[in-house]
């Protein structure tokens, strides 16, 4: 599903990403604040396609037809890595070392191997990021500050306030909330962008 399919409901977020990619100002980490897990999965996949696509459409969206777009759509893209809370405590731990599966140290190590796809684009998705232990968040800060070449991260959470301010400040925030009141007035898009900027900068 291309990002433009989300524009009717979440126009600001979808257009912001498409414009950033089209203008060469893509962020290396996107913090996706979403209160619907299915929506978060769908938007993350569309965003991943946009980041990896090498044959973007005239409107700046992913083409949906190239090998990379198809692989991401079919969940077979070899350079897309996902980490989710798996322990009984539903926490994402920092881990002892790179071999500690489903830990942040293991997740980070995946981005330092040679890419399997010709595009060289690697994409990491952290689901339920508010389940990251503080130690895990701190361990991931270096990667957010200096990501490996051609690497992008999509960090999904329904509770961004549970993330450390230093962690949030290193991501571009995208808001996709269904359980919220919409306000529409002149310059509303600009106001929301400013509020998001203030929120992202508060932890610096």
N, C-alpha and C. Protein backbone atom coordinates (compact mmCIF):
# COMPACT_ATOMS: atom_id res chain seq x y z
N UNK A 1 0.85 -1.19 0.00
CA UNK A 1 0.00 0.00 0.00
C UNK A 1 0.89 1.25 0.00
N UNK A 2 0.72 2.13 -0.98
CA UNK A 2 1.54 3.35 -1.01
C UNK A 2 1.14 4.33 0.08
N UNK A 3 2.05 5.22 0.40
CA UNK A 3 1.78 6.20 1.45
C UNK A 3 0.59 7.10 1.11
N UNK A 4 0.38 7.34 -0.19
CA UNK A 4 -0.72 8.23 -0.56
C UNK A 4 -2.08 7.69 -0.12
N UNK A 5 -2.15 6.36 0.12
CA UNK A 5 -3.40 5.77 0.60
C UNK A 5 -3.74 6.23 2.01
N UNK A 6 -2.75 6.77 2.72
CA UNK A 6 -2.98 7.25 4.08
C UNK A 6 -3.27 8.75 4.14
N UNK A 7 -3.19 9.42 3.00
CA UNK A 7 -3.27 10.89 3.02
C UNK A 7 -4.64 11.42 3.41
N UNK A 8 -5.70 10.71 3.07
CA UNK A 8 -7.03 11.22 3.41
C UNK A 8 -7.21 11.31 4.92
N UNK A 9 -6.72 10.30 5.65
CA UNK A 9 -6.90 10.28 7.10
C UNK A 9 -5.73 10.93 7.84
N UNK A 10 -4.52 10.76 7.29
CA UNK A 10 -3.32 11.27 7.97
C UNK A 10 -2.45 12.03 6.97
N UNK A 11 -3.05 13.06 6.39
CA UNK A 11 -2.37 13.80 5.34
C UNK A 11 -1.06 14.44 5.76
N UNK A 12 -1.03 15.01 6.96
CA UNK A 12 0.18 15.71 7.39
C UNK A 12 1.36 14.77 7.48
N UNK A 13 1.17 13.62 8.10
CA UNK A 13 2.26 12.66 8.26
C UNK A 13 2.71 12.10 6.92
N UNK A 14 1.76 11.70 6.09
CA UNK A 14 2.10 11.10 4.80
C UNK A 14 2.81 12.10 3.89
N UNK A 15 2.29 13.31 3.82
CA UNK A 15 2.92 14.32 2.96
C UNK A 15 4.27 14.74 3.48
N UNK A 16 4.42 14.81 4.79
CA UNK A 16 5.70 15.23 5.37
C UNK A 16 6.81 14.27 4.97
N UNK A 17 6.52 12.98 5.01
CA UNK A 17 7.54 11.98 4.66
C UNK A 17 7.82 12.02 3.16
N UNK A 18 6.77 12.05 2.36
CA UNK A 18 6.99 12.06 0.91
C UNK A 18 7.78 13.29 0.48
N UNK A 19 7.45 14.45 1.03
CA UNK A 19 8.18 15.67 0.68
C UNK A 19 9.63 15.61 1.13
N UNK A 20 9.86 15.05 2.33
CA UNK A 20 11.22 14.95 2.83
C UNK A 20 12.08 14.07 1.94
N UNK A 21 11.53 12.92 1.55
CA UNK A 21 12.28 12.01 0.68
C UNK A 21 12.52 12.65 -0.69
N UNK A 22 11.50 13.30 -1.23
CA UNK A 22 11.62 13.93 -2.55
C UNK A 22 12.65 15.04 -2.55
N UNK A 23 12.82 15.71 -1.41
CA UNK A 23 13.75 16.84 -1.32
C UNK A 23 15.10 16.46 -0.72
N UNK A 24 15.33 15.17 -0.56
CA UNK A 24 16.61 14.71 -0.04
C UNK A 24 16.82 15.05 1.43
N UNK A 25 15.74 15.15 2.20
CA UNK A 25 15.84 15.49 3.62
C UNK A 25 15.26 14.38 4.50
N UNK A 26 15.45 13.15 4.05
CA UNK A 26 14.91 12.01 4.79
C UNK A 26 15.56 11.89 6.15
N UNK A 27 14.74 11.68 7.17
CA UNK A 27 15.28 11.43 8.51
C UNK A 27 15.77 10.00 8.59
N UNK A 28 16.73 9.75 9.47
CA UNK A 28 17.22 8.39 9.65
C UNK A 28 16.37 7.61 10.64
N UNK A 29 15.57 8.32 11.44
CA UNK A 29 14.71 7.64 12.41
C UNK A 29 13.38 8.36 12.50
N UNK A 30 12.30 7.60 12.35
CA UNK A 30 10.95 8.13 12.47
C UNK A 30 10.28 7.51 13.69
N UNK A 31 9.74 8.37 14.54
CA UNK A 31 9.01 7.92 15.72
C UNK A 31 7.52 7.97 15.36
N UNK A 32 6.93 6.81 15.19
CA UNK A 32 5.54 6.71 14.76
C UNK A 32 4.64 6.57 15.98
N UNK A 33 3.96 7.67 16.33
CA UNK A 33 3.03 7.67 17.48
C UNK A 33 1.68 7.25 16.96
N UNK A 34 1.28 6.01 17.26
CA UNK A 34 0.07 5.45 16.69
C UNK A 34 -0.67 4.63 17.73
N UNK A 35 -1.99 4.78 17.80
CA UNK A 35 -2.78 4.06 18.79
C UNK A 35 -3.50 2.85 18.21
N UNK A 36 -3.11 2.42 17.01
CA UNK A 36 -3.71 1.26 16.35
C UNK A 36 -2.57 0.42 15.78
N UNK A 37 -2.38 -0.78 16.29
CA UNK A 37 -1.24 -1.60 15.88
C UNK A 37 -1.31 -1.99 14.40
N UNK A 38 -2.50 -2.25 13.89
CA UNK A 38 -2.63 -2.59 12.47
C UNK A 38 -2.28 -1.40 11.59
N UNK A 39 -2.71 -0.22 12.00
CA UNK A 39 -2.37 1.00 11.27
C UNK A 39 -0.86 1.22 11.30
N UNK A 40 -0.26 1.04 12.46
CA UNK A 40 1.19 1.21 12.58
C UNK A 40 1.93 0.26 11.66
N UNK A 41 1.48 -0.99 11.59
CA UNK A 41 2.12 -1.97 10.71
C UNK A 41 1.98 -1.56 9.25
N UNK A 42 0.78 -1.12 8.86
CA UNK A 42 0.55 -0.73 7.47
C UNK A 42 1.34 0.49 7.07
N UNK A 43 1.36 1.50 7.93
CA UNK A 43 2.10 2.73 7.62
C UNK A 43 3.59 2.44 7.60
N UNK A 44 4.08 1.62 8.52
CA UNK A 44 5.50 1.27 8.56
C UNK A 44 5.92 0.58 7.27
N UNK A 45 5.07 -0.31 6.78
CA UNK A 45 5.40 -1.03 5.54
C UNK A 45 5.43 -0.06 4.36
N UNK A 46 4.46 0.85 4.30
CA UNK A 46 4.43 1.83 3.21
C UNK A 46 5.65 2.76 3.29
N UNK A 47 6.02 3.14 4.50
CA UNK A 47 7.19 4.00 4.67
C UNK A 47 8.46 3.25 4.28
N UNK A 48 8.55 1.97 4.65
CA UNK A 48 9.71 1.17 4.28
C UNK A 48 9.83 1.05 2.76
N UNK A 49 8.71 0.87 2.08
CA UNK A 49 8.74 0.80 0.62
C UNK A 49 9.25 2.11 0.03
N UNK A 50 8.79 3.21 0.57
CA UNK A 50 9.24 4.52 0.07
C UNK A 50 10.74 4.69 0.26
N UNK A 51 11.26 4.27 1.41
CA UNK A 51 12.68 4.43 1.70
C UNK A 51 13.55 3.54 0.81
N UNK A 52 13.05 2.36 0.46
CA UNK A 52 13.86 1.41 -0.30
C UNK A 52 13.66 1.51 -1.82
N UNK A 53 12.55 2.09 -2.25
CA UNK A 53 12.21 2.11 -3.67
C UNK A 53 13.25 2.88 -4.49
N UNK A 54 13.65 2.29 -5.60
CA UNK A 54 14.62 2.95 -6.49
C UNK A 54 13.96 3.44 -7.78
N UNK A 55 12.65 3.34 -7.84
CA UNK A 55 11.93 3.75 -9.05
C UNK A 55 10.65 4.48 -8.64
N UNK A 56 10.82 5.55 -7.84
CA UNK A 56 9.67 6.23 -7.27
C UNK A 56 8.77 6.84 -8.35
N UNK A 57 7.50 6.90 -8.03
CA UNK A 57 6.50 7.45 -8.96
C UNK A 57 6.68 8.95 -9.10
N UNK A 58 6.00 9.52 -10.08
CA UNK A 58 6.11 10.95 -10.33
C UNK A 58 5.68 11.78 -9.14
N UNK A 59 4.74 11.25 -8.33
CA UNK A 59 4.26 11.99 -7.16
C UNK A 59 5.17 11.80 -5.94
N UNK A 60 6.30 11.11 -6.13
CA UNK A 60 7.26 10.92 -5.05
C UNK A 60 7.01 9.71 -4.19
N UNK A 61 5.93 8.98 -4.46
CA UNK A 61 5.62 7.79 -3.66
C UNK A 61 6.38 6.59 -4.18
N UNK A 62 6.40 5.51 -3.41
CA UNK A 62 7.00 4.27 -3.86
C UNK A 62 6.25 3.75 -5.08
N UNK A 63 6.96 3.10 -6.00
CA UNK A 63 6.31 2.65 -7.22
C UNK A 63 5.40 1.45 -6.96
N UNK A 64 5.75 0.63 -5.97
CA UNK A 64 4.96 -0.55 -5.66
C UNK A 64 5.18 -1.71 -6.61
N UNK A 65 6.06 -1.54 -7.62
CA UNK A 65 6.26 -2.56 -8.63
C UNK A 65 7.67 -3.12 -8.68
N UNK A 66 8.65 -2.39 -8.18
CA UNK A 66 10.03 -2.86 -8.23
C UNK A 66 10.23 -4.03 -7.26
N UNK A 67 11.35 -4.72 -7.40
CA UNK A 67 11.60 -5.90 -6.57
C UNK A 67 11.58 -5.55 -5.08
N UNK A 68 12.19 -4.41 -4.73
CA UNK A 68 12.25 -4.04 -3.32
C UNK A 68 10.86 -3.75 -2.76
N UNK A 69 10.04 -3.04 -3.52
CA UNK A 69 8.67 -2.75 -3.06
C UNK A 69 7.88 -4.04 -2.88
N UNK A 70 8.00 -4.95 -3.86
CA UNK A 70 7.27 -6.21 -3.78
C UNK A 70 7.73 -7.05 -2.59
N UNK A 71 9.05 -7.08 -2.37
CA UNK A 71 9.57 -7.88 -1.26
C UNK A 71 9.09 -7.34 0.09
N UNK A 72 9.11 -6.02 0.23
CA UNK A 72 8.63 -5.44 1.48
C UNK A 72 7.14 -5.72 1.65
N UNK A 73 6.38 -5.61 0.58
CA UNK A 73 4.95 -5.89 0.65
C UNK A 73 4.64 -7.33 1.00
N UNK A 74 5.55 -8.25 0.61
CA UNK A 74 5.36 -9.67 0.87
C UNK A 74 6.12 -10.15 2.11
N UNK A 75 6.73 -9.21 2.83
CA UNK A 75 7.50 -9.54 4.04
C UNK A 75 8.68 -10.47 3.74
N UNK A 76 9.30 -10.29 2.57
CA UNK A 76 10.46 -11.11 2.21
C UNK A 76 11.70 -10.27 1.92
N UNK A 77 11.65 -8.99 2.25
CA UNK A 77 12.81 -8.11 2.02
C UNK A 77 13.88 -8.48 3.05
N UNK A 78 15.05 -8.95 2.60
CA UNK A 78 16.03 -9.51 3.54
C UNK A 78 16.72 -8.48 4.43
N UNK A 79 16.61 -7.21 4.09
CA UNK A 79 17.29 -6.18 4.87
C UNK A 79 16.31 -5.34 5.69
N UNK A 80 15.15 -5.90 5.99
CA UNK A 80 14.20 -5.27 6.90
C UNK A 80 14.15 -6.11 8.17
N UNK A 81 14.54 -5.51 9.28
CA UNK A 81 14.66 -6.22 10.55
C UNK A 81 13.67 -5.63 11.56
N UNK A 82 13.03 -6.51 12.31
CA UNK A 82 12.01 -6.08 13.28
C UNK A 82 12.35 -6.64 14.65
N UNK A 83 12.15 -5.82 15.67
CA UNK A 83 12.30 -6.28 17.04
C UNK A 83 11.02 -5.93 17.80
N UNK A 84 10.54 -6.88 18.59
CA UNK A 84 9.32 -6.70 19.38
C UNK A 84 9.58 -7.24 20.78
N UNK A 85 8.78 -6.82 21.76
CA UNK A 85 8.92 -7.39 23.11
C UNK A 85 8.57 -8.88 23.07
N UNK A 86 9.45 -9.73 23.55
CA UNK A 86 9.20 -11.17 23.48
C UNK A 86 9.28 -11.86 24.83
N UNK A 87 9.89 -11.24 25.81
CA UNK A 87 10.05 -11.90 27.10
C UNK A 87 8.72 -11.92 27.86
N UNK A 88 8.66 -12.70 28.92
CA UNK A 88 7.45 -12.77 29.73
C UNK A 88 7.09 -11.41 30.32
N UNK A 89 8.08 -10.61 30.54
CA UNK A 89 7.85 -9.28 31.11
C UNK A 89 7.44 -8.25 30.06
N UNK A 90 7.41 -8.66 28.77
CA UNK A 90 7.05 -7.76 27.67
C UNK A 90 7.98 -6.55 27.63
N UNK A 91 9.26 -6.80 27.77
CA UNK A 91 10.26 -5.75 27.71
C UNK A 91 11.27 -6.06 26.60
N UNK A 92 11.80 -5.00 25.99
CA UNK A 92 12.91 -5.15 25.05
C UNK A 92 14.17 -4.82 25.82
N UNK A 93 15.01 -5.80 26.01
CA UNK A 93 16.18 -5.65 26.86
C UNK A 93 17.41 -5.22 26.06
N UNK A 94 18.43 -4.75 26.75
CA UNK A 94 19.65 -4.32 26.08
C UNK A 94 20.44 -5.52 25.58
N UNK A 95 20.49 -6.61 26.33
CA UNK A 95 21.20 -7.81 25.91
C UNK A 95 22.65 -7.81 26.35
N UNK A 96 23.19 -9.01 26.47
CA UNK A 96 24.58 -9.16 26.93
C UNK A 96 25.56 -8.85 25.81
N UNK A 97 25.25 -9.33 24.59
CA UNK A 97 26.12 -9.09 23.44
C UNK A 97 25.32 -9.29 22.16
N UNK A 98 26.00 -9.27 21.00
CA UNK A 98 25.33 -9.35 19.70
C UNK A 98 24.59 -10.67 19.49
N UNK A 99 24.99 -11.72 20.20
CA UNK A 99 24.36 -13.03 20.02
C UNK A 99 23.11 -13.21 20.87
N UNK A 100 22.79 -12.23 21.70
CA UNK A 100 21.63 -12.30 22.59
C UNK A 100 20.39 -11.93 21.78
N UNK A 101 19.74 -12.94 21.18
CA UNK A 101 18.65 -12.73 20.23
C UNK A 101 17.51 -11.92 20.84
N UNK A 102 16.88 -11.10 19.98
CA UNK A 102 15.75 -10.24 20.37
C UNK A 102 16.13 -9.18 21.39
N UNK A 103 17.40 -8.85 21.47
CA UNK A 103 17.86 -7.75 22.32
C UNK A 103 18.30 -6.59 21.44
N UNK A 104 18.47 -5.43 22.04
CA UNK A 104 18.90 -4.25 21.27
C UNK A 104 20.30 -4.44 20.71
N UNK A 105 21.19 -5.06 21.46
CA UNK A 105 22.55 -5.27 20.95
C UNK A 105 22.53 -6.17 19.72
N UNK A 106 21.70 -7.22 19.75
CA UNK A 106 21.54 -8.09 18.57
C UNK A 106 20.96 -7.30 17.41
N UNK A 107 19.91 -6.52 17.66
CA UNK A 107 19.24 -5.73 16.63
C UNK A 107 20.21 -4.76 15.97
N UNK A 108 20.98 -4.05 16.78
CA UNK A 108 21.94 -3.09 16.23
C UNK A 108 22.97 -3.76 15.34
N UNK A 109 23.42 -4.95 15.73
CA UNK A 109 24.49 -5.62 14.99
C UNK A 109 24.07 -5.97 13.57
N UNK A 110 22.76 -6.14 13.33
CA UNK A 110 22.28 -6.53 12.00
C UNK A 110 22.58 -5.47 10.95
N UNK A 111 22.76 -4.23 11.37
CA UNK A 111 22.95 -3.14 10.42
C UNK A 111 24.41 -2.92 10.03
N UNK A 112 25.28 -3.76 10.56
CA UNK A 112 26.70 -3.64 10.24
C UNK A 112 27.18 -4.77 9.33
N UNK A 113 26.25 -5.63 8.91
CA UNK A 113 26.57 -6.65 7.93
C UNK A 113 26.32 -6.10 6.54
N UNK A 114 26.93 -6.71 5.53
CA UNK A 114 26.72 -6.28 4.15
C UNK A 114 25.26 -6.52 3.76
N UNK A 115 24.67 -5.53 3.11
CA UNK A 115 23.28 -5.64 2.70
C UNK A 115 23.10 -6.74 1.66
N UNK A 116 21.98 -7.43 1.73
CA UNK A 116 21.69 -8.51 0.78
C UNK A 116 21.06 -7.98 -0.50
N UNK A 117 20.38 -6.84 -0.44
CA UNK A 117 19.71 -6.26 -1.60
C UNK A 117 20.64 -5.33 -2.37
N UNK A 118 20.41 -5.22 -3.66
CA UNK A 118 21.24 -4.35 -4.50
C UNK A 118 21.13 -2.89 -4.08
N UNK A 119 19.99 -2.50 -3.56
CA UNK A 119 19.80 -1.10 -3.16
C UNK A 119 20.70 -0.73 -1.99
N UNK A 120 21.08 -1.70 -1.18
CA UNK A 120 21.91 -1.43 0.00
C UNK A 120 21.15 -0.80 1.15
N UNK A 121 19.84 -0.63 1.01
CA UNK A 121 19.03 0.02 2.04
C UNK A 121 18.63 -0.99 3.12
N UNK A 122 18.92 -0.64 4.37
CA UNK A 122 18.51 -1.46 5.50
C UNK A 122 17.49 -0.67 6.33
N UNK A 123 16.47 -1.37 6.78
CA UNK A 123 15.40 -0.73 7.52
C UNK A 123 15.12 -1.53 8.79
N UNK A 124 15.07 -0.83 9.92
CA UNK A 124 14.78 -1.47 11.19
C UNK A 124 13.47 -0.96 11.75
N UNK A 125 12.64 -1.85 12.22
CA UNK A 125 11.36 -1.49 12.83
C UNK A 125 11.35 -1.96 14.27
N UNK A 126 11.11 -1.04 15.18
CA UNK A 126 10.96 -1.37 16.60
C UNK A 126 9.48 -1.22 16.94
N UNK A 127 8.83 -2.34 17.26
CA UNK A 127 7.41 -2.30 17.62
C UNK A 127 7.27 -2.19 19.13
N UNK A 128 6.22 -1.49 19.56
CA UNK A 128 5.99 -1.27 20.99
C UNK A 128 7.26 -0.76 21.67
N UNK A 129 7.80 0.30 21.09
CA UNK A 129 9.08 0.82 21.57
C UNK A 129 9.04 1.29 23.01
N UNK A 130 7.83 1.60 23.52
CA UNK A 130 7.72 2.00 24.93
C UNK A 130 8.05 0.85 25.87
N UNK A 131 8.18 -0.36 25.31
CA UNK A 131 8.58 -1.52 26.11
C UNK A 131 10.10 -1.67 26.20
N UNK A 132 10.83 -0.75 25.58
CA UNK A 132 12.29 -0.79 25.69
C UNK A 132 12.71 -0.36 27.09
N UNK A 133 13.53 -1.16 27.72
CA UNK A 133 14.04 -0.78 29.04
C UNK A 133 14.94 0.45 28.88
N UNK A 134 15.05 1.30 29.90
CA UNK A 134 15.89 2.50 29.79
C UNK A 134 17.32 2.18 29.34
N UNK A 135 17.87 1.07 29.83
CA UNK A 135 19.22 0.69 29.41
C UNK A 135 19.28 0.41 27.91
N UNK A 136 18.22 -0.20 27.40
CA UNK A 136 18.17 -0.49 25.97
C UNK A 136 18.06 0.80 25.16
N UNK A 137 17.25 1.74 25.63
CA UNK A 137 17.13 3.03 24.94
C UNK A 137 18.47 3.75 24.92
N UNK A 138 19.15 3.77 26.05
CA UNK A 138 20.45 4.44 26.12
C UNK A 138 21.46 3.77 25.20
N UNK A 139 21.39 2.44 25.13
CA UNK A 139 22.33 1.71 24.27
C UNK A 139 22.08 2.00 22.80
N UNK A 140 20.85 2.36 22.46
CA UNK A 140 20.49 2.61 21.06
C UNK A 140 20.73 4.05 20.64
N UNK A 141 21.02 4.93 21.58
CA UNK A 141 21.20 6.34 21.26
C UNK A 141 22.33 6.57 20.25
N UNK A 142 23.43 5.84 20.41
CA UNK A 142 24.57 6.02 19.51
C UNK A 142 24.18 5.70 18.07
N UNK A 143 23.36 4.65 17.91
CA UNK A 143 22.91 4.27 16.58
C UNK A 143 21.98 5.33 16.00
N UNK A 144 21.14 5.93 16.83
CA UNK A 144 20.27 7.00 16.36
C UNK A 144 21.07 8.23 15.97
N UNK A 145 22.13 8.52 16.72
CA UNK A 145 22.95 9.70 16.43
C UNK A 145 23.81 9.50 15.19
N UNK A 146 24.39 8.31 15.05
CA UNK A 146 25.29 8.01 13.94
C UNK A 146 24.89 6.67 13.33
N UNK A 147 23.80 6.65 12.58
CA UNK A 147 23.33 5.38 12.02
C UNK A 147 24.28 4.84 10.96
N UNK A 148 24.36 3.53 10.83
CA UNK A 148 25.17 2.96 9.75
C UNK A 148 24.69 3.47 8.40
N UNK A 149 25.56 3.47 7.42
CA UNK A 149 25.21 4.00 6.10
C UNK A 149 23.99 3.30 5.53
N UNK A 150 23.12 4.09 4.90
CA UNK A 150 21.93 3.57 4.21
C UNK A 150 20.98 2.80 5.14
N UNK A 151 20.94 3.22 6.40
CA UNK A 151 20.06 2.57 7.37
C UNK A 151 19.01 3.55 7.87
N UNK A 152 17.79 3.03 8.04
CA UNK A 152 16.68 3.84 8.52
C UNK A 152 15.91 3.06 9.58
N UNK A 153 15.33 3.80 10.53
CA UNK A 153 14.62 3.16 11.62
C UNK A 153 13.20 3.73 11.75
N UNK A 154 12.25 2.83 11.95
CA UNK A 154 10.86 3.20 12.17
C UNK A 154 10.49 2.69 13.56
N UNK A 155 10.23 3.61 14.46
CA UNK A 155 10.04 3.27 15.87
C UNK A 155 8.58 3.53 16.23
N UNK A 156 7.86 2.45 16.53
CA UNK A 156 6.41 2.54 16.73
C UNK A 156 6.06 2.47 18.21
N UNK A 157 5.16 3.34 18.63
CA UNK A 157 4.71 3.33 20.02
C UNK A 157 3.36 4.02 20.15
N UNK A 158 2.56 3.52 21.08
CA UNK A 158 1.32 4.20 21.44
C UNK A 158 1.54 5.14 22.61
N UNK A 159 2.72 5.05 23.24
CA UNK A 159 3.01 5.84 24.44
C UNK A 159 4.40 6.46 24.35
N UNK A 160 4.58 7.48 23.52
CA UNK A 160 5.92 8.07 23.37
C UNK A 160 6.46 8.68 24.65
N UNK A 161 5.59 9.05 25.58
CA UNK A 161 6.06 9.64 26.84
C UNK A 161 6.85 8.64 27.67
N UNK A 162 6.72 7.33 27.35
CA UNK A 162 7.48 6.31 28.06
C UNK A 162 8.92 6.21 27.57
N UNK A 163 9.21 6.88 26.47
CA UNK A 163 10.58 6.89 25.94
C UNK A 163 11.36 8.04 26.54
N UNK A 164 12.65 7.86 26.71
CA UNK A 164 13.50 8.90 27.26
C UNK A 164 13.49 10.13 26.36
N UNK A 165 13.50 11.33 26.93
CA UNK A 165 13.54 12.55 26.10
C UNK A 165 14.71 12.55 25.12
N UNK A 166 15.86 12.04 25.56
CA UNK A 166 17.02 12.00 24.67
C UNK A 166 16.80 11.07 23.50
N UNK A 167 16.00 10.04 23.70
CA UNK A 167 15.66 9.10 22.63
C UNK A 167 14.70 9.76 21.65
N UNK A 168 13.64 10.36 22.18
CA UNK A 168 12.63 10.99 21.32
C UNK A 168 13.22 12.11 20.49
N UNK A 169 14.14 12.85 21.07
CA UNK A 169 14.68 14.02 20.39
C UNK A 169 15.52 13.67 19.16
N UNK A 170 15.91 12.42 19.03
CA UNK A 170 16.73 12.00 17.90
C UNK A 170 15.90 11.41 16.76
N UNK A 171 14.59 11.53 16.87
CA UNK A 171 13.69 10.98 15.86
C UNK A 171 12.77 12.08 15.32
N UNK A 172 12.33 11.88 14.09
CA UNK A 172 11.29 12.76 13.56
C UNK A 172 9.94 12.11 13.89
N UNK A 173 9.10 12.86 14.57
CA UNK A 173 7.84 12.29 15.04
C UNK A 173 6.74 12.40 14.00
N UNK A 174 6.01 11.30 13.82
CA UNK A 174 4.85 11.25 12.94
C UNK A 174 3.66 10.79 13.79
N UNK A 175 2.57 11.52 13.76
CA UNK A 175 1.42 11.22 14.61
C UNK A 175 0.27 10.66 13.79
N UNK A 176 -0.17 9.45 14.15
CA UNK A 176 -1.31 8.80 13.50
C UNK A 176 -2.25 8.30 14.60
N UNK A 177 -3.12 9.17 15.05
CA UNK A 177 -4.02 8.83 16.15
C UNK A 177 -5.46 8.80 15.67
N UNK A 178 -6.15 7.71 15.96
CA UNK A 178 -7.56 7.60 15.61
C UNK A 178 -8.44 7.99 16.77
N UNK A 179 -7.95 7.81 17.98
CA UNK A 179 -8.72 8.17 19.17
C UNK A 179 -8.36 9.59 19.58
N UNK A 180 -8.71 10.54 18.71
CA UNK A 180 -8.36 11.93 18.95
C UNK A 180 -9.35 12.85 18.26
N UNK A 181 -9.34 14.11 18.64
CA UNK A 181 -10.21 15.12 18.03
C UNK A 181 -9.42 15.86 16.95
N UNK A 182 -10.01 15.95 15.77
CA UNK A 182 -9.36 16.67 14.68
C UNK A 182 -9.79 18.14 14.68
N UNK A 183 -8.84 19.00 14.47
CA UNK A 183 -9.11 20.43 14.38
C UNK A 183 -8.66 20.92 13.01
N UNK A 184 -9.51 21.64 12.35
CA UNK A 184 -9.18 22.14 11.03
C UNK A 184 -9.45 23.63 10.97
N UNK A 185 -8.41 24.40 10.69
CA UNK A 185 -8.54 25.84 10.55
C UNK A 185 -7.35 26.34 9.74
N UNK A 186 -7.39 27.56 9.32
CA UNK A 186 -6.29 28.11 8.54
C UNK A 186 -4.98 27.97 9.29
N UNK A 187 -3.97 27.51 8.58
CA UNK A 187 -2.62 27.34 9.14
C UNK A 187 -2.54 26.20 10.16
N UNK A 188 -3.53 25.29 10.20
CA UNK A 188 -3.50 24.22 11.20
C UNK A 188 -2.32 23.27 10.96
N UNK A 189 -2.00 23.00 9.68
CA UNK A 189 -0.87 22.11 9.39
C UNK A 189 0.43 22.70 9.92
N UNK A 190 0.60 24.03 9.73
CA UNK A 190 1.82 24.68 10.19
C UNK A 190 1.92 24.66 11.71
N UNK A 191 0.77 24.85 12.39
CA UNK A 191 0.77 24.83 13.85
C UNK A 191 1.15 23.45 14.37
N UNK A 192 0.59 22.39 13.76
CA UNK A 192 0.90 21.04 14.21
C UNK A 192 2.37 20.71 13.99
N UNK A 193 2.91 21.15 12.86
CA UNK A 193 4.34 20.93 12.59
C UNK A 193 5.19 21.61 13.65
N UNK A 194 4.80 22.84 14.04
CA UNK A 194 5.55 23.58 15.06
C UNK A 194 5.46 22.88 16.41
N UNK A 195 4.27 22.40 16.76
CA UNK A 195 4.10 21.69 18.03
C UNK A 195 4.93 20.41 18.07
N UNK A 196 4.97 19.68 16.94
CA UNK A 196 5.79 18.47 16.88
C UNK A 196 7.26 18.80 17.03
N UNK A 197 7.69 19.93 16.42
CA UNK A 197 9.09 20.35 16.54
C UNK A 197 9.43 20.68 17.98
N UNK A 198 8.53 21.40 18.65
CA UNK A 198 8.76 21.74 20.07
C UNK A 198 8.83 20.48 20.91
N UNK A 199 7.94 19.52 20.64
CA UNK A 199 7.93 18.26 21.41
C UNK A 199 9.21 17.48 21.19
N UNK A 200 9.69 17.43 19.94
CA UNK A 200 10.91 16.68 19.63
C UNK A 200 12.14 17.33 20.23
N UNK A 201 12.09 18.67 20.39
CA UNK A 201 13.26 19.40 20.88
C UNK A 201 13.31 19.49 22.40
N UNK A 202 12.24 19.08 23.07
CA UNK A 202 12.15 19.30 24.52
C UNK A 202 13.18 18.52 25.29
N UNK A 203 13.69 17.42 24.71
CA UNK A 203 14.65 16.62 25.46
C UNK A 203 16.09 16.95 25.16
N UNK A 204 16.35 17.92 24.31
CA UNK A 204 17.73 18.26 23.95
C UNK A 204 18.45 18.95 25.11
